[in-house]
Amino acid sequence: MMYSAGEVLDVIRKQIYLDERTQAMLRKAAVVRGVSESEIIRESLREYLRKSAVDAGDNPLLELIGLADGREDASEHHDVYLYGKDKD
């Protein structure tokens, strides 16, 4: 359990690797704001995920699902469906 900005959080521990430049920027942001580096990471990640969230209804590729519904045996009996008889 953890406290963040006055609220109690159940948190899951994650391990990440940062390059030196990103670490320095993170440290500076935490000092300036007076919060932990973890809090900066959580806030940043939440904001990123909120902005980049894609509604499945907005994905045109999902409209292709079911487009090719049809006979299940079409690959085996395609000649019958195309020509009306088996090709010899």
Foldseek 3Di string as FASTA:
>chain_A
DDADPRDDDDDDDDDDDDDPVVVVVLVVVCVVVVHDSVNVVVVVVVVVCVVPPDDPVPDPVVVCVPVPDDDPCCVVPVCCVVPVDDDD
